[in-house]
PDB file of N, CA and C in Angstrom:
ATOM      1  N   MET A   1     -28.409  -8.185 -18.980  1.00  0.00           N
ATOM      2  CA  MET A   1     -27.605  -7.196 -18.993  1.00  0.00           C
ATOM      3  C   MET A   1     -27.144  -6.576 -20.334  1.00  0.00           C
ATOM      4  N   SER A   2     -27.535  -5.127 -20.774  1.00  0.00           N
ATOM      5  CA  SER A   2     -27.239  -4.539 -21.804  1.00  0.00           C
ATOM      6  C   SER A   2     -25.675  -4.608 -22.338  1.00  0.00           C
ATOM      7  N   LEU A   3     -25.659  -4.394 -23.400  1.00  0.00           N
ATOM      8  CA  LEU A   3     -24.461  -4.200 -24.301  1.00  0.00           C
ATOM      9  C   LEU A   3     -23.392  -3.042 -23.585  1.00  0.00           C
ATOM     10  N   ASN A   4     -24.190  -2.053 -23.440  1.00  0.00           N
ATOM     11  CA  ASN A   4     -23.543  -0.810 -22.913  1.00  0.00           C
ATOM     12  C   ASN A   4     -23.137  -0.891 -21.683  1.00  0.00           C
ATOM     13  N   MET A   5     -23.832  -1.841 -21.000  1.00  0.00           N
ATOM     14  CA  MET A   5     -23.242  -1.929 -19.573  1.00  0.00           C
ATOM     15  C   MET A   5     -22.320  -2.929 -19.292  1.00  0.00           C
ATOM     16  N   LEU A   6     -22.073  -3.887 -20.271  1.00  0.00           N
ATOM     17  CA  LEU A   6     -21.019  -4.727 -20.296  1.00  0.00           C
ATOM     18  C   LEU A   6     -19.805  -3.985 -20.503  1.00  0.00           C
ATOM     19  N   LYS A   7     -19.914  -3.050 -21.479  1.00  0.00           N
ATOM     20  CA  LYS A   7     -18.828  -2.133 -21.876  1.00  0.00           C
ATOM     21  C   LYS A   7     -18.258  -1.295 -20.941  1.00  0.00           C
ATOM     22  N   GLN A   8     -19.277  -0.798 -20.021  1.00  0.00           N
ATOM     23  CA  GLN A   8     -18.843   0.080 -18.795  1.00  0.00           C
ATOM     24  C   GLN A   8     -18.086  -1.059 -17.680  1.00  0.00           C
ATOM     25  N   MET A   9     -18.721  -2.027 -17.636  1.00  0.00           N
ATOM     26  CA  MET A   9     -17.876  -3.043 -16.524  1.00  0.00           C
ATOM     27  C   MET A   9     -16.757  -3.445 -17.008  1.00  0.00           C
ATOM     28  N   GLN A  10     -16.403  -3.686 -18.312  1.00  0.00           N
ATOM     29  CA  GLN A  10     -15.279  -3.967 -18.952  1.00  0.00           C
ATOM     30  C   GLN A  10     -14.198  -2.751 -18.804  1.00  0.00           C
ATOM     31  N   LYS A  11     -14.741  -1.305 -18.806  1.00  0.00           N
ATOM     32  CA  LYS A  11     -13.887  -0.405 -18.754  1.00  0.00           C
ATOM     33  C   LYS A  11     -13.469  -0.185 -17.183  1.00  0.00           C
ATOM     34  N   VAL A  12     -14.400  -0.538 -16.296  1.00  0.00           N
ATOM     35  CA  VAL A  12     -14.249  -0.335 -14.774  1.00  0.00           C
ATOM     36  C   VAL A  12     -12.862  -1.423 -14.508  1.00  0.00           C
ATOM     37  N   LYS A  13     -13.143  -2.845 -15.180  1.00  0.00           N
ATOM     38  CA  LYS A  13     -12.267  -3.843 -14.634  1.00  0.00           C
ATOM     39  C   LYS A  13     -10.813  -3.215 -15.493  1.00  0.00           C
ATOM     40  N   GLU A  14     -10.458  -2.770 -16.287  1.00  0.00           N
ATOM     41  CA  GLU A  14      -9.233  -2.230 -16.706  1.00  0.00           C
ATOM     42  C   GLU A  14      -8.860  -1.163 -16.155  1.00  0.00           C
ATOM     43  N   LYS A  15      -9.756  -0.219 -15.743  1.00  0.00           N
ATOM     44  CA  LYS A  15      -9.144   0.735 -14.896  1.00  0.00           C
ATOM     45  C   LYS A  15      -8.601   0.234 -13.129  1.00  0.00           C
ATOM     46  N   MET A  16      -9.389  -0.632 -12.884  1.00  0.00           N
ATOM     47  CA  MET A  16      -9.205  -1.331 -11.651  1.00  0.00           C
ATOM     48  C   MET A  16      -8.011  -2.359 -11.757  1.00  0.00           C
ATOM     49  N   ALA A  17      -7.719  -2.866 -12.975  1.00  0.00           N
ATOM     50  CA  ALA A  17      -6.429  -3.651 -12.958  1.00  0.00           C
ATOM     51  C   ALA A  17      -5.068  -2.598 -13.215  1.00  0.00           C
ATOM     52  N   ALA A  18      -5.484  -1.399 -13.559  1.00  0.00           N
ATOM     53  CA  ALA A  18      -4.279  -0.225 -13.668  1.00  0.00           C
ATOM     54  C   ALA A  18      -4.115   0.162 -12.072  1.00  0.00           C
ATOM     55  N   ALA A  19      -5.094   0.429 -11.686  1.00  0.00           N
ATOM     56  CA  ALA A  19      -5.043   0.914 -10.148  1.00  0.00           C
ATOM     57  C   ALA A  19      -4.112  -0.224  -9.273  1.00  0.00           C
ATOM     58  N   GLN A  20      -4.640  -1.376  -9.403  1.00  0.00           N
ATOM     59  CA  GLN A  20      -4.038  -2.690  -8.655  1.00  0.00           C
ATOM     60  C   GLN A  20      -2.441  -2.586  -8.897  1.00  0.00           C
ATOM     61  N   GLU A  21      -2.278  -2.449 -10.190  1.00  0.00           N
ATOM     62  CA  GLU A  21      -0.646  -2.398 -10.798  1.00  0.00           C
ATOM     63  C   GLU A  21       0.080  -1.108  -9.869  1.00  0.00           C
ATOM     64  N   ALA A  22      -0.570  -0.192 -10.011  1.00  0.00           N
ATOM     65  CA  ALA A  22       0.237   1.044  -9.441  1.00  0.00           C
ATOM     66  C   ALA A  22       0.276   0.693  -8.041  1.00  0.00           C
ATOM     67  N   VAL A  23      -0.734   0.076  -7.285  1.00  0.00           N
ATOM     68  CA  VAL A  23      -0.407  -0.262  -5.975  1.00  0.00           C
ATOM     69  C   VAL A  23       0.624  -1.002  -5.717  1.00  0.00           C
ATOM     70  N   ARG A  24       0.844  -2.178  -6.585  1.00  0.00           N
ATOM     71  CA  ARG A  24       1.955  -3.190  -6.463  1.00  0.00           C
ATOM     72  C   ARG A  24       3.199  -2.735  -6.472  1.00  0.00           C
ATOM     73  N   GLN A  25       3.292  -1.432  -7.092  1.00  0.00           N
ATOM     74  CA  GLN A  25       4.660  -0.851  -7.451  1.00  0.00           C
ATOM     75  C   GLN A  25       5.005   0.090  -6.133  1.00  0.00           C
ATOM     76  N   LYS A  26       4.147   0.209  -5.181  1.00  0.00           N
ATOM     77  CA  LYS A  26       4.230   0.941  -4.004  1.00  0.00           C
ATOM     78  C   LYS A  26       4.864  -0.027  -2.806  1.00  0.00           C
ATOM     79  N   THR A  27       5.595   0.802  -1.596  1.00  0.00           N
ATOM     80  CA  THR A  27       6.077  -0.482  -0.956  1.00  0.00           C
ATOM     81  C   THR A  27       5.753   0.219   0.619  1.00  0.00           C
ATOM     82  N   VAL A  28       5.953  -0.977   1.472  1.00  0.00           N
ATOM     83  CA  VAL A  28       5.888  -0.386   3.065  1.00  0.00           C
ATOM     84  C   VAL A  28       7.018  -1.176   3.897  1.00  0.00           C
ATOM     85  N   GLU A  29       7.362  -0.446   4.629  1.00  0.00           N
ATOM     86  CA  GLU A  29       8.531  -0.684   5.382  1.00  0.00           C
ATOM     87  C   GLU A  29       8.047  -0.880   6.853  1.00  0.00           C
ATOM     88  N   VAL A  30       8.708  -1.807   7.542  1.00  0.00           N
ATOM     89  CA  VAL A  30       8.368  -2.154   8.876  1.00  0.00           C
ATOM     90  C   VAL A  30       9.946  -2.408   9.508  1.00  0.00           C
ATOM     91  N   THR A  31      10.031  -1.754  10.836  1.00  0.00           N
ATOM     92  CA  THR A  31      11.408  -1.758  11.455  1.00  0.00           C
ATOM     93  C   THR A  31      10.813  -2.162  12.785  1.00  0.00           C
ATOM     94  N   VAL A  32      11.432  -3.357  13.370  1.00  0.00           N
ATOM     95  CA  VAL A  32      11.352  -3.890  14.765  1.00  0.00           C
ATOM     96  C   VAL A  32      12.637  -4.028  15.651  1.00  0.00           C
ATOM     97  N   GLY A  33      12.482  -4.287  16.577  1.00  0.00           N
ATOM     98  CA  GLY A  33      13.782  -4.221  17.509  1.00  0.00           C
ATOM     99  C   GLY A  33      14.446  -2.965  17.754  1.00  0.00           C
ATOM    100  N   GLY A  34      13.683  -1.676  17.790  1.00  0.00           N
ATOM    101  CA  GLY A  34      14.301  -0.722  17.636  1.00  0.00           C
ATOM    102  C   GLY A  34      15.344  -0.274  16.496  1.00  0.00           C
ATOM    103  N   GLY A  35      15.258  -0.778  15.556  1.00  0.00           N
ATOM    104  CA  GLY A  35      15.847  -0.552  14.261  1.00  0.00           C
ATOM    105  C   GLY A  35      16.643  -1.654  14.039  1.00  0.00           C
ATOM    106  N   MET A  36      16.544  -2.887  14.646  1.00  0.00           N
ATOM    107  CA  MET A  36      17.622  -3.973  14.379  1.00  0.00           C
ATOM    108  C   MET A  36      17.115  -4.574  12.921  1.00  0.00           C
ATOM    109  N   VAL A  37      15.676  -4.895  12.743  1.00  0.00           N
ATOM    110  CA  VAL A  37      15.343  -5.756  11.536  1.00  0.00           C
ATOM    111  C   VAL A  37      14.390  -4.556  10.980  1.00  0.00           C
ATOM    112  N   THR A  38      14.628  -4.729   9.291  1.00  0.00           N
ATOM    113  CA  THR A  38      13.825  -3.848   8.591  1.00  0.00           C
ATOM    114  C   THR A  38      13.348  -4.555   7.358  1.00  0.00           C
ATOM    115  N   VAL A  39      11.991  -4.755   7.307  1.00  0.00           N
ATOM    116  CA  VAL A  39      11.396  -5.538   6.136  1.00  0.00           C
ATOM    117  C   VAL A  39      10.771  -4.463   5.048  1.00  0.00           C
ATOM    118  N   VAL A  40      10.853  -4.748   3.911  1.00  0.00           N
ATOM    119  CA  VAL A  40      10.027  -4.075   2.911  1.00  0.00           C
ATOM    120  C   VAL A  40       9.349  -4.993   2.000  1.00  0.00           C
ATOM    121  N   ALA A  41       8.098  -4.491   1.786  1.00  0.00           N
ATOM    122  CA  ALA A  41       7.123  -5.438   1.198  1.00  0.00           C
ATOM    123  C   ALA A  41       6.496  -4.405  -0.073  1.00  0.00           C
ATOM    124  N   ASN A  42       6.106  -5.143  -0.981  1.00  0.00           N
ATOM    125  CA  ASN A  42       5.399  -4.249  -2.069  1.00  0.00           C
ATOM    126  C   ASN A  42       3.662  -4.421  -1.652  1.00  0.00           C
ATOM    127  N   GLY A  43       2.938  -3.714  -2.657  1.00  0.00           N
ATOM    128  CA  GLY A  43       1.498  -3.813  -2.614  1.00  0.00           C
ATOM    129  C   GLY A  43       0.846  -5.277  -2.947  1.00  0.00           C
ATOM    130  N   ALA A  44       1.790  -6.057  -3.640  1.00  0.00           N
ATOM    131  CA  ALA A  44       1.297  -7.393  -3.822  1.00  0.00           C
ATOM    132  C   ALA A  44       1.688  -8.522  -2.746  1.00  0.00           C
ATOM    133  N   GLN A  45       2.011  -8.148  -1.666  1.00  0.00           N
ATOM    134  CA  GLN A  45       2.312  -8.851  -0.783  1.00  0.00           C
ATOM    135  C   GLN A  45       3.334  -9.802  -0.881  1.00  0.00           C
ATOM    136  N   GLU A  46       4.606  -9.108  -1.556  1.00  0.00           N
ATOM    137  CA  GLU A  46       5.693  -9.760  -1.926  1.00  0.00           C
ATOM    138  C   GLU A  46       6.898  -9.047  -0.855  1.00  0.00           C
ATOM    139  N   ILE A  47       7.786  -9.762  -0.417  1.00  0.00           N
ATOM    140  CA  ILE A  47       8.943  -9.181   0.516  1.00  0.00           C
ATOM    141  C   ILE A  47       9.951  -8.940  -0.273  1.00  0.00           C
ATOM    142  N   VAL A  48      10.177  -7.458  -0.428  1.00  0.00           N
ATOM    143  CA  VAL A  48      10.955  -6.842  -1.439  1.00  0.00           C
ATOM    144  C   VAL A  48      12.615  -7.226  -0.870  1.00  0.00           C
ATOM    145  N   SER A  49      12.623  -6.642   0.731  1.00  0.00           N
ATOM    146  CA  SER A  49      13.931  -6.866   1.180  1.00  0.00           C
ATOM    147  C   SER A  49      14.086  -7.059   2.649  1.00  0.00           C
ATOM    148  N   ILE A  50      14.882  -7.491   3.271  1.00  0.00           N
ATOM    149  CA  ILE A  50      15.061  -7.688   4.775  1.00  0.00           C
ATOM    150  C   ILE A  50      16.394  -7.547   5.077  1.00  0.00           C
ATOM    151  N   SER A  51      16.385  -6.441   5.963  1.00  0.00           N
ATOM    152  CA  SER A  51      17.677  -6.189   6.424  1.00  0.00           C
ATOM    153  C   SER A  51      18.244  -6.152   8.026  1.00  0.00           C
ATOM    154  N   PHE A  52      19.327  -6.382   8.498  1.00  0.00           N
ATOM    155  CA  PHE A  52      19.403  -6.510   9.922  1.00  0.00           C
ATOM    156  C   PHE A  52      20.776  -5.718  10.190  1.00  0.00           C
ATOM    157  N   GLU A  53      20.779  -5.269  11.319  1.00  0.00           N
ATOM    158  CA  GLU A  53      21.689  -4.499  11.800  1.00  0.00           C
ATOM    159  C   GLU A  53      22.507  -5.424  12.500  1.00  0.00           C
ATOM    160  N   LYS A  54      24.194  -5.050  12.297  1.00  0.00           N
ATOM    161  CA  LYS A  54      24.925  -5.983  12.577  1.00  0.00           C
ATOM    162  C   LYS A  54      24.925  -6.749  13.899  1.00  0.00           C
ATOM    163  N   GLN A  55      24.866  -5.727  15.247  1.00  0.00           N
ATOM    164  CA  GLN A  55      24.513  -6.350  16.191  1.00  0.00           C
ATOM    165  C   GLN A  55      23.378  -7.258  16.597  1.00  0.00           C
ATOM    166  N   VAL A  56      22.677  -7.458  15.781  1.00  0.00           N
ATOM    167  CA  VAL A  56      21.204  -8.207  16.063  1.00  0.00           C
ATOM    168  C   VAL A  56      21.809  -9.820  15.626  1.00  0.00           C
ATOM    169  N   VAL A  57      22.619  -9.748  14.898  1.00  0.00           N
ATOM    170  CA  VAL A  57      23.191 -11.188  14.414  1.00  0.00           C
ATOM    171  C   VAL A  57      24.202 -11.958  15.366  1.00  0.00           C
ATOM    172  N   ASP A  58      23.632 -12.582  16.464  1.00  0.00           N
ATOM    173  CA  ASP A  58      24.363 -13.223  17.566  1.00  0.00           C
ATOM    174  C   ASP A  58      24.122 -14.523  17.436  1.00  0.00           C
ATOM    175  N   PRO A  59      25.161 -15.463  17.184  1.00  0.00           N
ATOM    176  CA  PRO A  59      25.159 -16.689  17.220  1.00  0.00           C
ATOM    177  C   PRO A  59      24.790 -17.419  18.575  1.00  0.00           C
ATOM    178  N   ASP A  60      24.813 -16.843  19.504  1.00  0.00           N
ATOM    179  CA  ASP A  60      24.427 -17.214  20.656  1.00  0.00           C
ATOM    180  C   ASP A  60      22.645 -17.028  21.227  1.00  0.00           C
ATOM    181  N   ASP A  61      22.292 -16.113  20.067  1.00  0.00           N
ATOM    182  CA  ASP A  61      20.709 -16.153  20.310  1.00  0.00           C
ATOM    183  C   ASP A  61      20.130 -15.690  18.883  1.00  0.00           C
ATOM    184  N   VAL A  62      19.987 -16.976  18.255  1.00  0.00           N
ATOM    185  CA  VAL A  62      19.520 -16.993  17.142  1.00  0.00           C
ATOM    186  C   VAL A  62      17.918 -16.777  17.204  1.00  0.00           C
ATOM    187  N   GLU A  63      17.363 -17.349  18.199  1.00  0.00           N
ATOM    188  CA  GLU A  63      15.824 -17.365  18.473  1.00  0.00           C
ATOM    189  C   GLU A  63      15.370 -15.808  18.335  1.00  0.00           C
ATOM    190  N   MET A  64      16.288 -15.093  19.134  1.00  0.00           N
ATOM    191  CA  MET A  64      15.801 -13.624  18.944  1.00  0.00           C
ATOM    192  C   MET A  64      15.674 -12.966  17.609  1.00  0.00           C
ATOM    193  N   LEU A  65      16.732 -13.552  16.661  1.00  0.00           N
ATOM    194  CA  LEU A  65      16.465 -12.765  15.268  1.00  0.00           C
ATOM    195  C   LEU A  65      15.437 -13.452  14.512  1.00  0.00           C
ATOM    196  N   GLU A  66      15.300 -14.735  14.954  1.00  0.00           N
ATOM    197  CA  GLU A  66      14.105 -15.323  14.003  1.00  0.00           C
ATOM    198  C   GLU A  66      12.835 -14.770  14.452  1.00  0.00           C
ATOM    199  N   ASP A  67      12.648 -14.516  15.738  1.00  0.00           N
ATOM    200  CA  ASP A  67      11.375 -13.750  16.378  1.00  0.00           C
ATOM    201  C   ASP A  67      11.208 -12.387  15.542  1.00  0.00           C
ATOM    202  N   LEU A  68      12.241 -11.537  15.369  1.00  0.00           N
ATOM    203  CA  LEU A  68      12.231 -10.232  14.942  1.00  0.00           C
ATOM    204  C   LEU A  68      11.866 -10.490  13.619  1.00  0.00           C
ATOM    205  N   VAL A  69      12.514 -11.334  12.782  1.00  0.00           N
ATOM    206  CA  VAL A  69      12.278 -11.600  11.364  1.00  0.00           C
ATOM    207  C   VAL A  69      10.798 -11.711  11.004  1.00  0.00           C
ATOM    208  N   LEU A  70      10.215 -12.777  12.119  1.00  0.00           N
ATOM    209  CA  LEU A  70       9.128 -13.316  11.807  1.00  0.00           C
ATOM    210  C   LEU A  70       7.992 -12.246  12.042  1.00  0.00           C
ATOM    211  N   SER A  71       8.266 -11.168  13.211  1.00  0.00           N
ATOM    212  CA  SER A  71       7.248 -10.251  13.523  1.00  0.00           C
ATOM    213  C   SER A  71       7.563  -9.012  12.240  1.00  0.00           C
ATOM    214  N   ALA A  72       8.436  -8.717  11.906  1.00  0.00           N
ATOM    215  CA  ALA A  72       8.690  -7.725  10.884  1.00  0.00           C
ATOM    216  C   ALA A  72       8.047  -8.301   9.370  1.00  0.00           C
ATOM    217  N   VAL A  73       8.184  -9.298   9.257  1.00  0.00           N
ATOM    218  CA  VAL A  73       7.683  -9.906   7.841  1.00  0.00           C
ATOM    219  C   VAL A  73       6.037  -9.988   8.033  1.00  0.00           C
ATOM    220  N   ASN A  74       5.525 -10.552   9.012  1.00  0.00           N
ATOM    221  CA  ASN A  74       3.924 -10.468   9.114  1.00  0.00           C
ATOM    222  C   ASN A  74       3.700  -9.070   9.361  1.00  0.00           C
ATOM    223  N   ASP A  75       4.253  -8.297  10.172  1.00  0.00           N
ATOM    224  CA  ASP A  75       4.022  -6.733  10.001  1.00  0.00           C
ATOM    225  C   ASP A  75       3.590  -6.093   8.512  1.00  0.00           C
ATOM    226  N   ALA A  76       5.048  -6.416   7.994  1.00  0.00           N
ATOM    227  CA  ALA A  76       4.772  -5.654   6.517  1.00  0.00           C
ATOM    228  C   ALA A  76       3.954  -6.302   5.629  1.00  0.00           C
ATOM    229  N   LEU A  77       3.391  -7.686   5.780  1.00  0.00           N
ATOM    230  CA  LEU A  77       2.531  -8.073   5.028  1.00  0.00           C
ATOM    231  C   LEU A  77       1.186  -7.659   5.325  1.00  0.00           C
ATOM    232  N   ARG A  78       0.819  -7.429   6.672  1.00  0.00           N
ATOM    233  CA  ARG A  78      -0.445  -6.838   7.084  1.00  0.00           C
ATOM    234  C   ARG A  78      -0.456  -5.363   6.549  1.00  0.00           C
ATOM    235  N   LYS A  79       0.706  -4.722   6.550  1.00  0.00           N
ATOM    236  CA  LYS A  79       0.603  -3.223   5.862  1.00  0.00           C
ATOM    237  C   LYS A  79       0.450  -3.160   4.538  1.00  0.00           C
ATOM    238  N   SER A  80       0.817  -4.342   3.833  1.00  0.00           N
ATOM    239  CA  SER A  80       0.736  -4.427   2.546  1.00  0.00           C
ATOM    240  C   SER A  80      -0.764  -4.668   2.042  1.00  0.00           C
ATOM    241  N   LYS A  81      -1.347  -5.562   2.683  1.00  0.00           N
ATOM    242  CA  LYS A  81      -2.767  -5.917   2.450  1.00  0.00           C
ATOM    243  C   LYS A  81      -3.330  -4.581   2.668  1.00  0.00           C
ATOM    244  N   ASP A  82      -3.032  -3.845   4.013  1.00  0.00           N
ATOM    245  CA  ASP A  82      -3.887  -2.598   4.042  1.00  0.00           C
ATOM    246  C   ASP A  82      -3.880  -1.625   3.023  1.00  0.00           C
ATOM    247  N   LEU A  83      -2.741  -1.489   2.602  1.00  0.00           N
ATOM    248  CA  LEU A  83      -2.506  -0.374   1.317  1.00  0.00           C
ATOM    249  C   LEU A  83      -3.326  -0.864   0.241  1.00  0.00           C
ATOM    250  N   MET A  84      -3.246  -2.165  -0.111  1.00  0.00           N
ATOM    251  CA  MET A  84      -4.215  -2.502  -1.359  1.00  0.00           C
ATOM    252  C   MET A  84      -5.408  -2.271  -1.108  1.00  0.00           C
ATOM    253  N   SER A  85      -6.187  -2.610   0.038  1.00  0.00           N
ATOM    254  CA  SER A  85      -7.210  -2.459   0.697  1.00  0.00           C
ATOM    255  C   SER A  85      -7.886  -0.838   0.482  1.00  0.00           C
ATOM    256  N   GLN A  86      -7.132  -0.008   1.054  1.00  0.00           N
ATOM    257  CA  GLN A  86      -6.973   1.291   1.107  1.00  0.00           C
ATOM    258  C   GLN A  86      -7.179   1.874  -0.096  1.00  0.00           C
ATOM    259  N   GLU A  87      -6.404   1.520  -1.179  1.00  0.00           N
ATOM    260  CA  GLU A  87      -6.041   1.968  -2.435  1.00  0.00           C
ATOM    261  C   GLU A  87      -7.391   1.668  -3.408  1.00  0.00           C
ATOM    262  N   MET A  88      -7.712   0.321  -3.274  1.00  0.00           N
ATOM    263  CA  MET A  88      -8.899  -0.194  -3.808  1.00  0.00           C
ATOM    264  C   MET A  88     -10.246   0.505  -3.015  1.00  0.00           C
ATOM    265  N   SER A  89     -10.212   0.949  -1.975  1.00  0.00           N
ATOM    266  CA  SER A  89     -11.530   1.571  -1.563  1.00  0.00           C
ATOM    267  C   SER A  89     -11.537   2.921  -2.276  1.00  0.00           C
ATOM    268  N   LYS A  90     -10.434   3.554  -2.075  1.00  0.00           N
ATOM    269  CA  LYS A  90     -10.363   4.844  -3.095  1.00  0.00           C
ATOM    270  C   LYS A  90     -10.756   4.809  -4.712  1.00  0.00           C
ATOM    271  N   PHE A  91     -10.466   3.780  -5.055  1.00  0.00           N
ATOM    272  CA  PHE A  91     -10.731   3.568  -6.417  1.00  0.00           C
ATOM    273  C   PHE A  91     -12.062   3.267  -6.616  1.00  0.00           C
ATOM    274  N   ALA A  92     -12.832   2.526  -5.730  1.00  0.00           N
ATOM    275  CA  ALA A  92     -14.057   2.213  -5.902  1.00  0.00           C
ATOM    276  C   ALA A  92     -15.006   3.573  -5.505  1.00  0.00           C
ATOM    277  N   LYS A  93     -14.336   4.526  -4.677  1.00  0.00           N
ATOM    278  CA  LYS A  93     -15.273   5.587  -4.243  1.00  0.00           C
ATOM    279  C   LYS A  93     -14.853   6.539  -5.569  1.00  0.00           C
ATOM    280  N   GLN A  94     -13.618   6.582  -6.072  1.00  0.00           N
ATOM    281  CA  GLN A  94     -13.525   7.679  -7.154  1.00  0.00           C
ATOM    282  C   GLN A  94     -14.542   7.056  -8.571  1.00  0.00           C
ATOM    283  N   MET A  95     -14.805   6.050  -8.560  1.00  0.00           N
ATOM    284  CA  MET A  95     -15.514   5.322  -9.605  1.00  0.00           C
ATOM    285  C   MET A  95     -17.002   5.297  -9.469  1.00  0.00           C
ATOM    286  N   GLY A  96     -17.405   5.755  -8.089  1.00  0.00           N
ATOM    287  CA  GLY A  96     -18.660   5.713  -7.825  1.00  0.00           C
ATOM    288  C   GLY A  96     -19.359   4.487  -7.567  1.00  0.00           C
ATOM    289  N   LEU A  97     -18.562   3.473  -7.147  1.00  0.00           N
ATOM    290  CA  LEU A  97     -18.775   1.898  -6.944  1.00  0.00           C
ATOM    291  C   LEU A  97     -18.853   1.753  -5.286  1.00  0.00           C
ATOM    292  N   PRO A  98     -19.951   0.831  -4.925  1.00  0.00           N
ATOM    293  CA  PRO A  98     -20.216   0.384  -3.636  1.00  0.00           C
ATOM    294  C   PRO A  98     -18.559  -0.505  -3.312  1.00  0.00           C
ATOM    295  N   PRO A  99     -18.020  -0.139  -2.344  1.00  0.00           N
ATOM    296  CA  PRO A  99     -16.489  -0.856  -2.094  1.00  0.00           C
ATOM    297  C   PRO A  99     -17.023  -2.259  -2.034  1.00  0.00           C
ATOM    298  N   GLN A 100     -17.895  -2.974  -1.808  1.00  0.00           N
ATOM    299  CA  GLN A 100     -18.118  -4.326  -1.826  1.00  0.00           C
ATOM    300  C   GLN A 100     -18.085  -5.020  -3.332  1.00  0.00           C
ATOM    301  N   ILE A 101     -18.398  -4.162  -4.191  1.00  0.00           N
ATOM    302  CA  ILE A 101     -18.422  -4.702  -5.587  1.00  0.00           C
ATOM    303  C   ILE A 101     -17.126  -4.649  -6.319  1.00  0.00           C
ATOM    304  N   MET A 102     -15.970  -4.394  -5.420  1.00  0.00           N
ATOM    305  CA  MET A 102     -14.470  -4.715  -5.784  1.00  0.00           C
ATOM    306  C   MET A 102     -14.312  -6.126  -5.597  1.00  0.00           C
ATOM    307  N   ASN A 103     -14.928  -6.786  -4.811  1.00  0.00           N
ATOM    308  CA  ASN A 103     -14.594  -8.173  -4.557  1.00  0.00           C
ATOM    309  C   ASN A 103     -15.245  -8.895  -5.904  1.00  0.00           C
ATOM    310  N   GLN A 104     -16.409  -8.413  -6.461  1.00  0.00           N
ATOM    311  CA  GLN A 104     -16.869  -9.137  -7.548  1.00  0.00           C
ATOM    312  C   GLN A 104     -16.381  -9.001  -8.765  1.00  0.00           C
ATOM    313  N   LEU A 105     -15.556  -7.962  -8.923  1.00  0.00           N
ATOM    314  CA  LEU A 105     -15.000  -7.527 -10.250  1.00  0.00           C
ATOM    315  C   LEU A 105     -13.621  -8.640 -10.362  1.00  0.00           C
TER     316      LEU A 105
END
C-alpha cells in the first residue's frame, strides 16, 4: 500500500470517528403501553432515561411494569443500533465507499 493511500485511509478513519461521535449525540425515544413507559437511548446504545406515568406503577402488578420496561428498553436499543447503521451507511456513501468497508475501518 502506498503512503498516499495510507494517508487517505487515515483521513477516512478520522472523518468516520467524527461521524460516529455525532451519531452518539443523537437520541431515539420509544414509548410503550399507550404512553405509560418511555425510554430514551443515544446513538452509542446507552439508555439515557426511563420515565413512567404514575398509573403504571401498581404494586399489585409489578410484572406488567417489568414487561413494559423490558420491551421499551429493547426497542430503544434496536432503534439506536439502526440509527448508527443508517448514519454510517450515509457516511460511506458520501465518502464513495462500499458499505461493507465500514466494518473493516
